Amino acid sequence: MPIHEEKRLLPYTPKQMFDLVAAVEDYPKFLPWCIESHIHQRNDEMITADLVIGFKVFSESFTSEVALDHPRLIEVKYTKGPMRYLNNRWEFIPADNDQCLIDFYVDFEFRSLLLQRMIGVVFKDAVHRMVDSFENRAQEIYA
């Protein structure tokens, strides 16, 4: 039910941003609430991974298939866990001067009404913080 779409122009190439978002194994190093990441399968076109997300007393694991269309698009297909659905897309659009316009989209719904209500209260703030974390990670790695 919560939907968020955001565009940001960043001073990095689409390849750099694609590589950063595709490095799912690094998410626990910088992404808020991401406790663990387990890669089950990886090739040039697809990653299958589990993420464990935690906040205070709550901890949930979910499995996704991440489709990689290098270096322009990453689409996340939810396969197992506490959600009814998850639609997530990162598009990396070349801009002038080796910059990248990121078009980020996420839409999801938890099965649990309690979890859905809890995330609903902080959703916009949480998603902005998450996108900020990717931007900060890019600055840390590429600047």
C-alpha atoms as a PDB file:
ATOM      1  CA  MET A   1       0.000   0.000   0.000  1.00  0.00           C
ATOM      2  CA  PRO A   2       2.743   2.557   0.717  1.00  0.00           C
ATOM      3  CA  ILE A   3       4.201   3.763  -2.576  1.00  0.00           C
ATOM      4  CA  HIS A   4       7.238   5.952  -2.981  1.00  0.00           C
ATOM      5  CA  GLU A   5       8.882   7.271  -6.121  1.00  0.00           C
ATOM      6  CA  GLU A   6      11.885   9.529  -6.054  1.00  0.00           C
ATOM      7  CA  LYS A   7      14.347  10.919  -8.583  1.00  0.00           C
ATOM      8  CA  ARG A   8      17.818  12.171  -7.700  1.00  0.00           C
ATOM      9  CA  LEU A   9      20.620  13.544  -9.834  1.00  0.00           C
ATOM     10  CA  LEU A  10      23.945  12.293  -8.494  1.00  0.00           C
ATOM     11  CA  PRO A  11      27.536  13.027  -9.528  1.00  0.00           C
ATOM     12  CA  TYR A  12      28.288   9.387 -10.350  1.00  0.00           C
ATOM     13  CA  THR A  13      27.973   7.337 -13.521  1.00  0.00           C
ATOM     14  CA  PRO A  14      25.060   4.948 -14.084  1.00  0.00           C
ATOM     15  CA  LYS A  15      27.562   2.060 -13.930  1.00  0.00           C
ATOM     16  CA  GLN A  16      28.848   3.186 -10.532  1.00  0.00           C
ATOM     17  CA  MET A  17      25.343   3.490  -9.086  1.00  0.00           C
ATOM     18  CA  PHE A  18      24.216   0.233 -10.683  1.00  0.00           C
ATOM     19  CA  ASP A  19      27.205  -1.605  -9.182  1.00  0.00           C
ATOM     20  CA  LEU A  20      26.540  -0.092  -5.755  1.00  0.00           C
ATOM     21  CA  VAL A  21      22.851  -1.096  -5.704  1.00  0.00           C
ATOM     22  CA  ALA A  22      23.637  -4.553  -7.135  1.00  0.00           C
ATOM     23  CA  ALA A  23      26.117  -5.235  -4.300  1.00  0.00           C
ATOM     24  CA  VAL A  24      23.367  -6.717  -2.114  1.00  0.00           C
ATOM     25  CA  GLU A  25      25.947  -8.445   0.085  1.00  0.00           C
ATOM     26  CA  ASP A  26      27.153  -5.015   1.274  1.00  0.00           C
ATOM     27  CA  TYR A  27      23.753  -3.741   2.431  1.00  0.00           C
ATOM     28  CA  PRO A  28      24.299  -4.560   6.142  1.00  0.00           C
ATOM     29  CA  LYS A  29      27.360  -2.259   6.086  1.00  0.00           C
ATOM     30  CA  PHE A  30      25.355   0.885   5.345  1.00  0.00           C
ATOM     31  CA  LEU A  31      21.621   0.338   4.944  1.00  0.00           C
ATOM     32  CA  PRO A  32      19.496   1.193   7.995  1.00  0.00           C
ATOM     33  CA  TRP A  33      17.662  -1.752   9.479  1.00  0.00           C
ATOM     34  CA  CYS A  34      19.423  -4.300   7.227  1.00  0.00           C
ATOM     35  CA  ILE A  35      20.937  -6.821   9.641  1.00  0.00           C
ATOM     36  CA  GLU A  36      21.997  -9.600   7.268  1.00  0.00           C
ATOM     37  CA  SER A  37      22.257 -10.393   3.578  1.00  0.00           C
ATOM     38  CA  HIS A  38      22.617 -13.901   2.135  1.00  0.00           C
ATOM     39  CA  ILE A  39      23.232 -14.436  -1.574  1.00  0.00           C
ATOM     40  CA  HIS A  40      21.860 -17.782  -2.796  1.00  0.00           C
ATOM     41  CA  GLN A  41      22.643 -17.344  -6.462  1.00  0.00           C
ATOM     42  CA  ARG A  42      24.313 -14.704  -8.611  1.00  0.00           C
ATOM     43  CA  ASN A  43      25.009 -14.348 -12.302  1.00  0.00           C
ATOM     44  CA  ASP A  44      25.187 -11.418 -14.739  1.00  0.00           C
ATOM     45  CA  GLU A  45      21.397 -11.227 -15.053  1.00  0.00           C
ATOM     46  CA  MET A  46      19.992 -12.274 -11.663  1.00  0.00           C
ATOM     47  CA  ILE A  47      20.656 -12.361  -7.928  1.00  0.00           C
ATOM     48  CA  THR A  48      18.593 -14.437  -5.509  1.00  0.00           C
ATOM     49  CA  ALA A  49      19.080 -13.216  -1.959  1.00  0.00           C
ATOM     50  CA  ASP A  50      17.637 -13.122   1.539  1.00  0.00           C
ATOM     51  CA  LEU A  51      17.652  -9.899   3.519  1.00  0.00           C
ATOM     52  CA  VAL A  52      17.005  -9.748   7.250  1.00  0.00           C
ATOM     53  CA  ILE A  53      15.457  -6.437   8.266  1.00  0.00           C
ATOM     54  CA  GLY A  54      15.218  -5.524  11.924  1.00  0.00           C
ATOM     55  CA  PHE A  55      13.940  -2.672  14.028  1.00  0.00           C
ATOM     56  CA  LYS A  56      13.813  -2.771  17.825  1.00  0.00           C
ATOM     57  CA  VAL A  57      12.115  -6.077  18.734  1.00  0.00           C
ATOM     58  CA  PHE A  58      11.036  -6.912  15.163  1.00  0.00           C
ATOM     59  CA  SER A  59      13.120  -8.913  12.747  1.00  0.00           C
ATOM     60  CA  GLU A  60      11.895 -10.281   9.422  1.00  0.00           C
ATOM     61  CA  SER A  61      13.590 -12.154   6.597  1.00  0.00           C
ATOM     62  CA  PHE A  62      12.493 -12.079   2.983  1.00  0.00           C
ATOM     63  CA  THR A  63      13.717 -13.541  -0.287  1.00  0.00           C
ATOM     64  CA  SER A  64      13.883 -11.659  -3.568  1.00  0.00           C
ATOM     65  CA  GLU A  65      14.995 -12.214  -7.106  1.00  0.00           C
ATOM     66  CA  VAL A  66      16.886  -9.206  -8.367  1.00  0.00           C
ATOM     67  CA  ALA A  67      16.891  -8.790 -12.154  1.00  0.00           C
ATOM     68  CA  LEU A  68      19.968  -6.986 -13.466  1.00  0.00           C
ATOM     69  CA  ASP A  69      19.893  -5.084 -16.758  1.00  0.00           C
ATOM     70  CA  HIS A  70      23.428  -3.677 -16.586  1.00  0.00           C
ATOM     71  CA  PRO A  71      23.923  -0.698 -16.218  1.00  0.00           C
ATOM     72  CA  ARG A  72      20.458   0.834 -16.595  1.00  0.00           C
ATOM     73  CA  LEU A  73      17.911  -1.070 -14.488  1.00  0.00           C
ATOM     74  CA  ILE A  74      17.515  -3.215 -11.362  1.00  0.00           C
ATOM     75  CA  GLU A  75      14.104  -4.728 -10.610  1.00  0.00           C
ATOM     76  CA  VAL A  76      13.316  -6.607  -7.426  1.00  0.00           C
ATOM     77  CA  LYS A  77      10.774  -9.425  -7.470  1.00  0.00           C
ATOM     78  CA  TYR A  78       9.662 -10.533  -4.015  1.00  0.00           C
ATOM     79  CA  THR A  79       9.393 -14.314  -3.635  1.00  0.00           C
ATOM     80  CA  LYS A  80       9.065 -15.240   0.060  1.00  0.00           C
ATOM     81  CA  GLY A  81       8.587 -13.627   3.462  1.00  0.00           C
ATOM     82  CA  PRO A  82       6.241 -11.416   5.497  1.00  0.00           C
ATOM     83  CA  MET A  83       4.838  -9.352   2.630  1.00  0.00           C
ATOM     84  CA  ARG A  84       1.872  -9.740   0.344  1.00  0.00           C
ATOM     85  CA  TYR A  85       3.934  -8.137  -2.405  1.00  0.00           C
ATOM     86  CA  LEU A  86       6.934  -5.922  -3.070  1.00  0.00           C
ATOM     87  CA  ASN A  87       7.626  -3.999  -6.261  1.00  0.00           C
ATOM     88  CA  ASN A  88      10.951  -2.219  -6.349  1.00  0.00           C
ATOM     89  CA  ARG A  89      12.820  -0.632  -9.253  1.00  0.00           C
ATOM     90  CA  TRP A  90      16.032   1.354  -9.639  1.00  0.00           C
ATOM     91  CA  GLU A  91      16.578   3.011 -12.999  1.00  0.00           C
ATOM     92  CA  PHE A  92      19.928   4.645 -13.769  1.00  0.00           C
ATOM     93  CA  ILE A  93      19.633   7.294 -16.478  1.00  0.00           C
ATOM     94  CA  PRO A  94      22.790   8.890 -17.935  1.00  0.00           C
ATOM     95  CA  ALA A  95      23.008  12.659 -17.485  1.00  0.00           C
ATOM     96  CA  ASP A  96      25.538  15.300 -18.489  1.00  0.00           C
ATOM     97  CA  ASN A  97      29.065  15.344 -17.039  1.00  0.00           C
ATOM     98  CA  ASP A  98      29.130  11.656 -15.981  1.00  0.00           C
ATOM     99  CA  GLN A  99      26.157  12.158 -13.724  1.00  0.00           C
ATOM    100  CA  CYS A 100      23.268   9.779 -13.160  1.00  0.00           C
ATOM    101  CA  LEU A 101      19.582  10.429 -12.652  1.00  0.00           C
ATOM    102  CA  ILE A 102      18.271   7.743 -10.352  1.00  0.00           C
ATOM    103  CA  ASP A 103      14.587   6.886 -10.637  1.00  0.00           C
ATOM    104  CA  PHE A 104      13.662   4.859  -7.531  1.00  0.00           C
ATOM    105  CA  TYR A 105      10.259   3.229  -6.996  1.00  0.00           C
ATOM    106  CA  VAL A 106       8.971   1.008  -4.192  1.00  0.00           C
ATOM    107  CA  ASP A 107       5.494  -0.324  -3.430  1.00  0.00           C
ATOM    108  CA  PHE A 108       4.760  -3.040  -0.874  1.00  0.00           C
ATOM    109  CA  GLU A 109       2.293  -4.416   1.604  1.00  0.00           C
ATOM    110  CA  PHE A 110       2.888  -6.599   4.659  1.00  0.00           C
ATOM    111  CA  ARG A 111       0.651  -9.558   5.408  1.00  0.00           C
ATOM    112  CA  SER A 112       0.528  -8.489   9.062  1.00  0.00           C
ATOM    113  CA  LEU A 113      -1.793  -5.567   9.713  1.00  0.00           C
ATOM    114  CA  LEU A 114       0.339  -4.659  12.758  1.00  0.00           C
ATOM    115  CA  LEU A 115       3.543  -4.422  10.672  1.00  0.00           C
ATOM    116  CA  GLN A 116       1.696  -2.542   7.936  1.00  0.00           C
ATOM    117  CA  ARG A 117       0.410   0.032  10.404  1.00  0.00           C
ATOM    118  CA  MET A 118       3.826   0.409  12.046  1.00  0.00           C
ATOM    119  CA  ILE A 119       5.643   0.998   8.764  1.00  0.00           C
ATOM    120  CA  GLY A 120       2.867   3.283   7.546  1.00  0.00           C
ATOM    121  CA  VAL A 121       3.695   5.765  10.294  1.00  0.00           C
ATOM    122  CA  VAL A 122       7.372   6.062   9.326  1.00  0.00           C
ATOM    123  CA  PHE A 123       7.309   4.934   5.685  1.00  0.00           C
ATOM    124  CA  LYS A 124       8.201   8.178   3.885  1.00  0.00           C
ATOM    125  CA  ASP A 125      10.925   9.003   6.362  1.00  0.00           C
ATOM    126  CA  ALA A 126      12.321   5.468   6.216  1.00  0.00           C
ATOM    127  CA  VAL A 127      12.436   5.394   2.411  1.00  0.00           C
ATOM    128  CA  HIS A 128      14.134   8.805   2.222  1.00  0.00           C
ATOM    129  CA  ARG A 129      16.674   7.596   4.771  1.00  0.00           C
ATOM    130  CA  MET A 130      17.269   4.448   2.735  1.00  0.00           C
ATOM    131  CA  VAL A 131      17.877   6.375  -0.509  1.00  0.00           C
ATOM    132  CA  ASP A 132      20.107   8.788   1.435  1.00  0.00           C
ATOM    133  CA  SER A 133      22.105   5.765   2.619  1.00  0.00           C
ATOM    134  CA  PHE A 134      22.798   4.694  -0.965  1.00  0.00           C
ATOM    135  CA  GLU A 135      23.836   8.242  -1.851  1.00  0.00           C
ATOM    136  CA  ASN A 136      26.130   8.429   1.193  1.00  0.00           C
ATOM    137  CA  ARG A 137      27.627   5.034   0.328  1.00  0.00           C
ATOM    138  CA  ALA A 138      28.346   6.255  -3.212  1.00  0.00           C
ATOM    139  CA  GLN A 139      30.110   9.312  -1.812  1.00  0.00           C
ATOM    140  CA  GLU A 140      32.141   7.108   0.534  1.00  0.00           C
ATOM    141  CA  ILE A 141      33.200   4.729  -2.273  1.00  0.00           C
ATOM    142  CA  TYR A 142      33.501   6.985  -5.325  1.00  0.00           C
ATOM    143  CA  ALA A 143      34.357  10.475  -4.057  1.00  0.00           C
END
